[in-house]
N, C-alpha and C. Protein backbone atom coordinates (compact mmCIF):
# COMPACT_ATOMS: atom_id res chain seq x y z
N UNK A 1 166.98 65.35 52.94
CA UNK A 1 167.95 66.38 52.62
C UNK A 1 168.57 66.86 53.93
N UNK A 2 169.87 66.98 53.97
CA UNK A 2 170.54 67.43 55.18
C UNK A 2 170.37 68.93 55.34
N UNK A 3 170.63 69.40 56.54
CA UNK A 3 170.53 70.82 56.82
C UNK A 3 171.47 71.63 55.93
N UNK A 4 172.69 71.11 55.71
CA UNK A 4 173.65 71.78 54.84
C UNK A 4 173.12 71.91 53.43
N UNK A 5 172.57 70.81 52.89
CA UNK A 5 172.03 70.85 51.54
C UNK A 5 170.82 71.77 51.45
N UNK A 6 169.97 71.73 52.48
CA UNK A 6 168.77 72.56 52.49
C UNK A 6 169.13 74.04 52.51
N UNK A 7 170.10 74.41 53.35
CA UNK A 7 170.53 75.80 53.43
C UNK A 7 171.16 76.25 52.11
N UNK A 8 171.99 75.39 51.54
CA UNK A 8 172.61 75.70 50.25
C UNK A 8 171.55 75.88 49.18
N UNK A 9 170.57 74.98 49.15
CA UNK A 9 169.51 75.04 48.15
C UNK A 9 168.73 76.34 48.27
N UNK A 10 168.33 76.72 49.49
CA UNK A 10 167.58 77.96 49.68
C UNK A 10 168.43 79.17 49.26
N UNK A 11 169.70 79.17 49.62
CA UNK A 11 170.58 80.27 49.24
C UNK A 11 170.71 80.38 47.73
N UNK A 12 170.85 79.24 47.07
CA UNK A 12 170.97 79.25 45.61
C UNK A 12 169.71 79.76 44.95
N UNK A 13 168.54 79.30 45.43
CA UNK A 13 167.27 79.76 44.87
C UNK A 13 167.09 81.25 45.11
N UNK A 14 167.39 81.72 46.32
CA UNK A 14 167.28 83.13 46.64
C UNK A 14 168.17 83.95 45.70
N UNK A 15 169.40 83.50 45.50
CA UNK A 15 170.32 84.21 44.61
C UNK A 15 169.82 84.26 43.19
N UNK A 16 169.26 83.14 42.72
CA UNK A 16 168.74 83.11 41.35
C UNK A 16 167.55 84.04 41.20
N UNK A 17 166.61 83.96 42.12
CA UNK A 17 165.39 84.75 42.01
C UNK A 17 165.68 86.24 42.17
N UNK A 18 166.44 86.60 43.21
CA UNK A 18 166.65 88.01 43.46
C UNK A 18 167.86 88.58 42.75
N UNK A 19 168.78 87.73 42.36
CA UNK A 19 169.95 88.22 41.65
C UNK A 19 169.71 88.40 40.17
N UNK A 20 168.88 87.54 39.60
CA UNK A 20 168.67 87.60 38.15
C UNK A 20 167.26 88.02 37.77
N UNK A 21 166.29 87.68 38.56
CA UNK A 21 164.90 87.89 38.17
C UNK A 21 164.34 89.24 38.49
N UNK A 22 164.83 89.87 39.53
CA UNK A 22 164.26 91.12 39.96
C UNK A 22 165.34 92.16 40.13
N UNK A 23 164.99 93.38 39.94
CA UNK A 23 165.93 94.48 40.14
C UNK A 23 165.45 95.34 41.30
N UNK A 24 166.36 95.75 42.13
CA UNK A 24 166.01 96.62 43.25
C UNK A 24 165.98 98.08 42.82
N UNK A 25 166.27 98.35 41.58
CA UNK A 25 166.33 99.71 41.07
C UNK A 25 164.92 100.29 40.95
N UNK A 26 164.79 101.55 41.31
CA UNK A 26 163.51 102.24 41.19
C UNK A 26 163.19 102.46 39.72
N UNK A 27 161.92 102.65 39.44
CA UNK A 27 161.49 102.89 38.07
C UNK A 27 162.03 104.24 37.58
N UNK A 28 162.30 104.30 36.29
CA UNK A 28 162.77 105.55 35.71
C UNK A 28 161.68 106.61 35.80
N UNK A 29 162.07 107.86 35.99
CA UNK A 29 161.06 108.92 35.96
C UNK A 29 160.52 109.09 34.54
N UNK A 30 159.32 109.63 34.45
CA UNK A 30 158.69 109.84 33.14
C UNK A 30 159.53 110.77 32.27
N UNK A 31 160.09 111.80 32.89
CA UNK A 31 160.97 112.75 32.20
C UNK A 31 162.34 112.70 32.89
N UNK A 32 163.22 111.82 32.43
CA UNK A 32 164.52 111.70 33.10
C UNK A 32 165.40 112.92 32.86
N UNK A 33 166.28 113.16 33.80
CA UNK A 33 167.29 114.21 33.62
C UNK A 33 168.61 113.53 33.29
N UNK A 34 169.45 114.23 32.60
CA UNK A 34 170.77 113.74 32.27
C UNK A 34 171.69 114.94 32.12
N UNK A 35 172.67 115.01 32.99
CA UNK A 35 173.69 116.06 32.95
C UNK A 35 175.03 115.36 32.93
N UNK A 36 175.75 115.48 31.81
CA UNK A 36 177.06 114.84 31.69
C UNK A 36 178.04 115.80 31.03
N UNK A 37 179.31 115.56 31.27
CA UNK A 37 180.37 116.29 30.58
C UNK A 37 180.87 115.37 29.48
N UNK A 38 180.87 115.86 28.26
CA UNK A 38 181.28 115.06 27.12
C UNK A 38 182.80 114.91 27.09
N UNK A 39 183.27 114.01 26.27
CA UNK A 39 184.71 113.76 26.17
C UNK A 39 185.48 114.98 25.67
N UNK A 40 184.78 115.90 25.00
CA UNK A 40 185.45 117.13 24.55
C UNK A 40 185.32 118.26 25.57
N UNK A 41 184.84 117.92 26.79
CA UNK A 41 184.80 118.89 27.88
C UNK A 41 183.58 119.78 27.93
N UNK A 42 182.58 119.53 27.09
CA UNK A 42 181.37 120.36 27.07
C UNK A 42 180.27 119.71 27.91
N UNK A 43 179.38 120.54 28.42
CA UNK A 43 178.25 120.04 29.20
C UNK A 43 177.12 119.64 28.25
N UNK A 44 176.49 118.53 28.57
CA UNK A 44 175.28 118.10 27.86
C UNK A 44 174.18 117.99 28.89
N UNK A 45 173.06 118.70 28.63
CA UNK A 45 171.91 118.68 29.51
C UNK A 45 170.70 118.25 28.68
N UNK A 46 170.13 117.12 29.04
CA UNK A 46 168.98 116.59 28.30
C UNK A 46 167.83 117.59 28.27
N UNK A 47 167.58 118.29 29.36
CA UNK A 47 166.48 119.26 29.42
C UNK A 47 166.66 120.38 28.40
N UNK A 48 167.90 120.72 28.07
CA UNK A 48 168.17 121.78 27.09
C UNK A 48 167.80 121.35 25.68
N UNK A 49 167.52 120.08 25.49
CA UNK A 49 167.18 119.55 24.17
C UNK A 49 165.67 119.50 23.92
N UNK A 50 164.87 119.99 24.86
CA UNK A 50 163.40 119.96 24.70
C UNK A 50 163.03 120.59 23.37
N UNK A 51 162.03 120.00 22.73
CA UNK A 51 161.61 120.44 21.41
C UNK A 51 162.21 119.56 20.31
N UNK A 52 163.17 118.71 20.68
CA UNK A 52 163.79 117.78 19.74
C UNK A 52 163.61 116.35 20.26
N UNK A 53 163.68 115.41 19.36
CA UNK A 53 163.84 114.02 19.74
C UNK A 53 165.29 113.85 20.16
N UNK A 54 165.54 113.06 21.18
CA UNK A 54 166.90 112.80 21.61
C UNK A 54 167.12 111.30 21.70
N UNK A 55 168.19 110.86 21.07
CA UNK A 55 168.61 109.47 21.12
C UNK A 55 169.69 109.38 22.20
N UNK A 56 169.40 108.65 23.27
CA UNK A 56 170.37 108.42 24.35
C UNK A 56 170.85 106.99 24.16
N UNK A 57 172.11 106.86 23.75
CA UNK A 57 172.63 105.56 23.34
C UNK A 57 173.79 105.10 24.21
N UNK A 58 173.55 104.02 24.97
CA UNK A 58 174.62 103.38 25.74
C UNK A 58 175.38 102.43 24.83
N UNK A 59 176.70 102.48 24.86
CA UNK A 59 177.52 101.62 24.01
C UNK A 59 178.86 101.39 24.71
N UNK A 60 179.68 100.55 24.12
CA UNK A 60 181.03 100.30 24.64
C UNK A 60 181.96 100.02 23.47
N UNK A 61 183.24 100.29 23.67
CA UNK A 61 184.23 100.11 22.60
C UNK A 61 184.38 98.64 22.20
N UNK A 62 184.08 97.72 23.09
CA UNK A 62 184.24 96.29 22.83
C UNK A 62 182.97 95.64 22.27
N UNK A 63 181.91 96.42 22.12
CA UNK A 63 180.59 95.90 21.72
C UNK A 63 180.43 95.99 20.19
N UNK A 64 180.50 94.85 19.51
CA UNK A 64 180.41 94.84 18.05
C UNK A 64 179.09 95.41 17.53
N UNK A 65 177.92 95.03 18.08
CA UNK A 65 176.68 95.65 17.58
C UNK A 65 176.63 97.16 17.82
N UNK A 66 177.27 97.62 18.89
CA UNK A 66 177.33 99.06 19.16
C UNK A 66 178.09 99.77 18.05
N UNK A 67 179.23 99.21 17.70
CA UNK A 67 180.08 99.79 16.66
C UNK A 67 179.34 99.82 15.33
N UNK A 68 178.58 98.76 15.07
CA UNK A 68 177.83 98.67 13.81
C UNK A 68 176.72 99.72 13.72
N UNK A 69 176.08 100.05 14.85
CA UNK A 69 174.96 100.99 14.81
C UNK A 69 175.39 102.46 14.83
N UNK A 70 176.60 102.75 15.27
CA UNK A 70 177.04 104.14 15.42
C UNK A 70 176.93 104.96 14.13
N UNK A 71 177.35 104.43 12.97
CA UNK A 71 177.19 105.22 11.74
C UNK A 71 175.72 105.48 11.40
N UNK A 72 174.84 104.53 11.69
CA UNK A 72 173.41 104.72 11.42
C UNK A 72 172.85 105.86 12.28
N UNK A 73 173.19 105.85 13.56
CA UNK A 73 172.72 106.92 14.45
C UNK A 73 173.27 108.26 13.97
N UNK A 74 174.54 108.28 13.62
CA UNK A 74 175.19 109.50 13.17
C UNK A 74 174.53 110.05 11.90
N UNK A 75 174.29 109.19 10.93
CA UNK A 75 173.63 109.63 9.68
C UNK A 75 172.22 110.13 9.97
N UNK A 76 171.50 109.44 10.85
CA UNK A 76 170.12 109.84 11.16
C UNK A 76 170.10 111.23 11.81
N UNK A 77 170.98 111.45 12.76
CA UNK A 77 171.04 112.76 13.43
C UNK A 77 171.43 113.85 12.43
N UNK A 78 172.40 113.57 11.57
CA UNK A 78 172.85 114.56 10.59
C UNK A 78 171.74 114.92 9.61
N UNK A 79 170.86 113.98 9.32
CA UNK A 79 169.80 114.20 8.32
C UNK A 79 168.52 114.80 8.91
N UNK A 80 168.42 114.89 10.22
CA UNK A 80 167.18 115.38 10.84
C UNK A 80 167.50 116.47 11.87
N UNK A 81 167.14 117.70 11.52
CA UNK A 81 167.45 118.83 12.39
C UNK A 81 166.70 118.78 13.73
N UNK A 82 165.60 118.05 13.78
CA UNK A 82 164.82 117.97 15.02
C UNK A 82 165.21 116.75 15.87
N UNK A 83 166.38 116.18 15.60
CA UNK A 83 166.87 115.02 16.35
C UNK A 83 168.29 115.30 16.83
N UNK A 84 168.52 115.03 18.11
CA UNK A 84 169.85 115.12 18.70
C UNK A 84 170.19 113.75 19.28
N UNK A 85 171.43 113.57 19.64
CA UNK A 85 171.84 112.31 20.25
C UNK A 85 172.95 112.58 21.24
N UNK A 86 173.07 111.69 22.19
CA UNK A 86 174.19 111.66 23.12
C UNK A 86 174.63 110.20 23.23
N UNK A 87 175.89 109.97 22.99
CA UNK A 87 176.44 108.63 23.17
C UNK A 87 176.99 108.52 24.58
N UNK A 88 176.61 107.46 25.27
CA UNK A 88 177.12 107.23 26.62
C UNK A 88 178.02 106.01 26.59
N UNK A 89 179.32 106.25 26.62
CA UNK A 89 180.29 105.16 26.61
C UNK A 89 180.25 104.49 27.98
N UNK A 90 179.58 103.36 28.04
CA UNK A 90 179.41 102.59 29.28
C UNK A 90 180.58 101.63 29.35
N UNK A 91 181.71 102.20 29.69
CA UNK A 91 182.98 101.53 29.47
C UNK A 91 183.97 101.98 30.54
N UNK A 92 184.72 101.05 31.08
CA UNK A 92 185.73 101.39 32.08
C UNK A 92 187.10 101.70 31.48
N UNK A 93 187.16 101.87 30.17
CA UNK A 93 188.42 102.22 29.51
C UNK A 93 188.85 103.62 29.93
N UNK A 94 190.10 103.91 29.71
CA UNK A 94 190.60 105.27 29.95
C UNK A 94 189.95 106.21 28.93
N UNK A 95 189.62 107.44 29.34
CA UNK A 95 189.03 108.40 28.40
C UNK A 95 189.86 108.56 27.12
N UNK A 96 191.17 108.55 27.23
CA UNK A 96 192.03 108.68 26.04
C UNK A 96 191.80 107.52 25.08
N UNK A 97 191.58 106.34 25.61
CA UNK A 97 191.33 105.18 24.75
C UNK A 97 189.99 105.32 24.02
N UNK A 98 188.99 105.86 24.70
CA UNK A 98 187.68 106.07 24.07
C UNK A 98 187.81 107.15 22.99
N UNK A 99 188.57 108.20 23.27
CA UNK A 99 188.81 109.24 22.25
C UNK A 99 189.52 108.65 21.03
N UNK A 100 190.51 107.79 21.25
CA UNK A 100 191.20 107.13 20.14
C UNK A 100 190.22 106.26 19.34
N UNK A 101 189.35 105.56 20.04
CA UNK A 101 188.34 104.74 19.38
C UNK A 101 187.45 105.61 18.50
N UNK A 102 187.01 106.76 19.04
CA UNK A 102 186.13 107.65 18.29
C UNK A 102 186.84 108.30 17.10
N UNK A 103 188.14 108.43 17.17
CA UNK A 103 188.89 108.95 16.01
C UNK A 103 188.81 107.96 14.86
N UNK A 104 188.72 106.68 15.17
CA UNK A 104 188.59 105.64 14.14
C UNK A 104 187.14 105.38 13.75
N UNK A 105 186.21 105.74 14.64
CA UNK A 105 184.77 105.53 14.42
C UNK A 105 184.05 106.84 14.75
N UNK A 106 184.24 107.87 13.92
CA UNK A 106 183.68 109.19 14.26
C UNK A 106 182.16 109.23 14.17
N UNK A 107 181.57 110.07 15.02
CA UNK A 107 180.13 110.32 15.02
C UNK A 107 179.90 111.83 15.06
N UNK A 108 178.71 112.27 14.67
CA UNK A 108 178.41 113.70 14.63
C UNK A 108 177.80 114.20 15.95
N UNK A 109 177.56 113.32 16.87
CA UNK A 109 176.93 113.68 18.15
C UNK A 109 177.96 113.58 19.28
N UNK A 110 177.69 114.28 20.39
CA UNK A 110 178.63 114.24 21.51
C UNK A 110 178.62 112.88 22.21
N UNK A 111 179.74 112.58 22.85
CA UNK A 111 179.89 111.32 23.60
C UNK A 111 180.44 111.66 24.98
N UNK A 112 179.85 111.03 25.98
CA UNK A 112 180.33 111.15 27.35
C UNK A 112 180.61 109.75 27.88
N UNK A 113 181.54 109.65 28.79
CA UNK A 113 181.79 108.36 29.43
C UNK A 113 181.03 108.32 30.74
N UNK A 114 180.30 107.22 30.95
CA UNK A 114 179.62 107.02 32.23
C UNK A 114 180.18 105.75 32.85
N UNK A 115 180.46 105.84 34.13
CA UNK A 115 181.05 104.70 34.82
C UNK A 115 180.07 103.57 35.00
N UNK A 116 180.57 102.37 34.86
CA UNK A 116 179.73 101.20 35.05
C UNK A 116 179.31 101.07 36.52
N UNK A 117 180.08 101.69 37.40
CA UNK A 117 179.73 101.63 38.82
C UNK A 117 178.77 102.74 39.22
N UNK A 118 178.59 103.76 38.38
CA UNK A 118 177.67 104.85 38.68
C UNK A 118 177.01 105.37 37.40
N UNK A 119 176.08 104.59 36.84
CA UNK A 119 175.38 105.09 35.65
C UNK A 119 174.49 106.29 36.02
N UNK A 120 174.08 107.07 35.05
CA UNK A 120 173.22 108.23 35.34
C UNK A 120 172.00 107.80 36.18
N UNK A 121 171.68 108.57 37.21
CA UNK A 121 170.69 108.16 38.19
C UNK A 121 169.27 108.04 37.64
N UNK A 122 168.90 108.80 36.65
CA UNK A 122 167.52 108.75 36.14
C UNK A 122 167.30 107.69 35.07
N UNK A 123 168.36 106.99 34.67
CA UNK A 123 168.23 105.95 33.65
C UNK A 123 168.50 104.59 34.28
N UNK A 124 167.70 103.61 33.87
CA UNK A 124 167.95 102.25 34.34
C UNK A 124 169.31 101.80 33.86
N UNK A 125 169.96 100.99 34.66
CA UNK A 125 171.25 100.42 34.28
C UNK A 125 171.04 99.51 33.07
N UNK A 126 171.86 99.64 32.03
CA UNK A 126 171.68 98.80 30.85
C UNK A 126 171.77 97.32 31.20
N UNK A 127 170.86 96.52 30.65
CA UNK A 127 170.86 95.07 30.84
C UNK A 127 171.56 94.38 29.68
N UNK A 128 171.94 95.13 28.69
CA UNK A 128 172.66 94.65 27.52
C UNK A 128 173.07 95.85 26.70
N UNK A 129 174.05 95.65 25.84
CA UNK A 129 174.51 96.74 24.98
C UNK A 129 174.39 96.31 23.53
N UNK A 130 174.05 97.23 22.67
CA UNK A 130 173.69 98.61 22.95
C UNK A 130 172.30 98.72 23.57
N UNK A 131 172.08 99.80 24.30
CA UNK A 131 170.77 100.15 24.84
C UNK A 131 170.50 101.59 24.44
N UNK A 132 169.31 101.82 23.92
CA UNK A 132 168.95 103.15 23.43
C UNK A 132 167.62 103.57 24.03
N UNK A 133 167.56 104.82 24.43
CA UNK A 133 166.32 105.44 24.88
C UNK A 133 165.99 106.54 23.88
N UNK A 134 164.75 106.56 23.41
CA UNK A 134 164.28 107.66 22.58
C UNK A 134 163.48 108.59 23.48
N UNK A 135 163.92 109.82 23.55
CA UNK A 135 163.26 110.83 24.37
C UNK A 135 162.49 111.74 23.43
N UNK A 136 161.19 111.87 23.67
CA UNK A 136 160.34 112.67 22.80
C UNK A 136 160.60 114.16 23.03
N UNK A 137 160.11 115.01 22.13
CA UNK A 137 160.35 116.45 22.27
C UNK A 137 159.85 117.05 23.59
N UNK A 138 158.89 116.40 24.24
CA UNK A 138 158.42 116.91 25.54
C UNK A 138 159.22 116.37 26.71
N UNK A 139 160.29 115.62 26.43
CA UNK A 139 161.18 115.13 27.47
C UNK A 139 160.83 113.78 28.05
N UNK A 140 159.77 113.15 27.55
CA UNK A 140 159.35 111.85 28.06
C UNK A 140 160.06 110.71 27.33
N UNK A 141 160.26 109.59 28.03
CA UNK A 141 160.82 108.40 27.39
C UNK A 141 159.74 107.82 26.48
N UNK A 142 160.02 107.82 25.18
CA UNK A 142 159.07 107.30 24.21
C UNK A 142 159.32 105.82 23.92
N UNK A 143 160.58 105.39 24.00
CA UNK A 143 160.92 104.00 23.67
C UNK A 143 162.24 103.63 24.32
N UNK A 144 162.33 102.40 24.79
CA UNK A 144 163.55 101.81 25.34
C UNK A 144 163.88 100.60 24.49
N UNK A 145 165.05 100.58 23.88
CA UNK A 145 165.44 99.51 22.97
C UNK A 145 166.72 98.86 23.48
N UNK A 146 166.69 97.56 23.66
CA UNK A 146 167.91 96.81 23.97
C UNK A 146 168.27 96.08 22.69
N UNK A 147 169.45 96.37 22.17
CA UNK A 147 169.88 95.83 20.89
C UNK A 147 170.11 96.97 19.93
N UNK A 148 170.69 96.66 18.78
CA UNK A 148 171.06 97.72 17.83
C UNK A 148 169.86 98.38 17.16
N UNK A 149 170.06 99.65 16.81
CA UNK A 149 169.09 100.40 16.01
C UNK A 149 169.71 100.69 14.65
N UNK A 150 168.86 101.01 13.70
CA UNK A 150 169.29 101.38 12.35
C UNK A 150 168.62 102.69 11.97
N UNK A 151 169.05 103.27 10.86
CA UNK A 151 168.37 104.47 10.37
C UNK A 151 166.90 104.18 10.15
N UNK A 152 166.59 103.03 9.56
CA UNK A 152 165.19 102.67 9.26
C UNK A 152 164.39 102.49 10.55
N UNK A 153 164.96 101.82 11.54
CA UNK A 153 164.19 101.62 12.78
C UNK A 153 163.99 102.94 13.51
N UNK A 154 164.99 103.82 13.49
CA UNK A 154 164.82 105.13 14.11
C UNK A 154 163.75 105.93 13.39
N UNK A 155 163.76 105.90 12.05
CA UNK A 155 162.74 106.62 11.28
C UNK A 155 161.34 106.10 11.61
N UNK A 156 161.20 104.80 11.72
CA UNK A 156 159.90 104.21 12.03
C UNK A 156 159.45 104.59 13.44
N UNK A 157 160.36 104.60 14.38
CA UNK A 157 160.01 104.92 15.77
C UNK A 157 159.72 106.40 15.98
N UNK A 158 160.48 107.23 15.32
CA UNK A 158 160.33 108.68 15.51
C UNK A 158 159.32 109.27 14.52
N UNK A 159 159.04 108.56 13.47
CA UNK A 159 158.09 109.05 12.50
C UNK A 159 158.68 110.02 11.52
N UNK A 160 159.93 109.83 11.17
CA UNK A 160 160.63 110.69 10.21
C UNK A 160 160.88 109.92 8.93
N UNK A 161 160.79 110.57 7.80
CA UNK A 161 161.12 109.87 6.54
C UNK A 161 162.61 109.65 6.39
């Protein structure tokens, strides 16, 4: 093997191993914080939700499974007074475009836009969408789900009928 091929090979292996296999991101804290301004201009503070289950749902306007799960999350939150949710539009669209999208796909919970270049610091960057974190009433991460959730799966995870 020539020096050029050897160097290329090592660079490719390094890129594969460290680019795809490992993350340099620190582990999430046991009780993450989340402070965001929602699309309607209100503040959302995860700590203020203590005593309730909180569904933290990353989604995007172009994500078909995200769109499919939104009504399920909305119905679940509406039916359970001890459950809140925050939708995090992980989308580089203009805020007006996300608001237009939500007018066609309304939900009962607040939605904030988070930049793909600066996701909330206490949450791991989503590796796929949708990504959902269930936060228990004591503020701890109870479950991390990559992929869509349903009313039934939320009920099973949270222990609600």
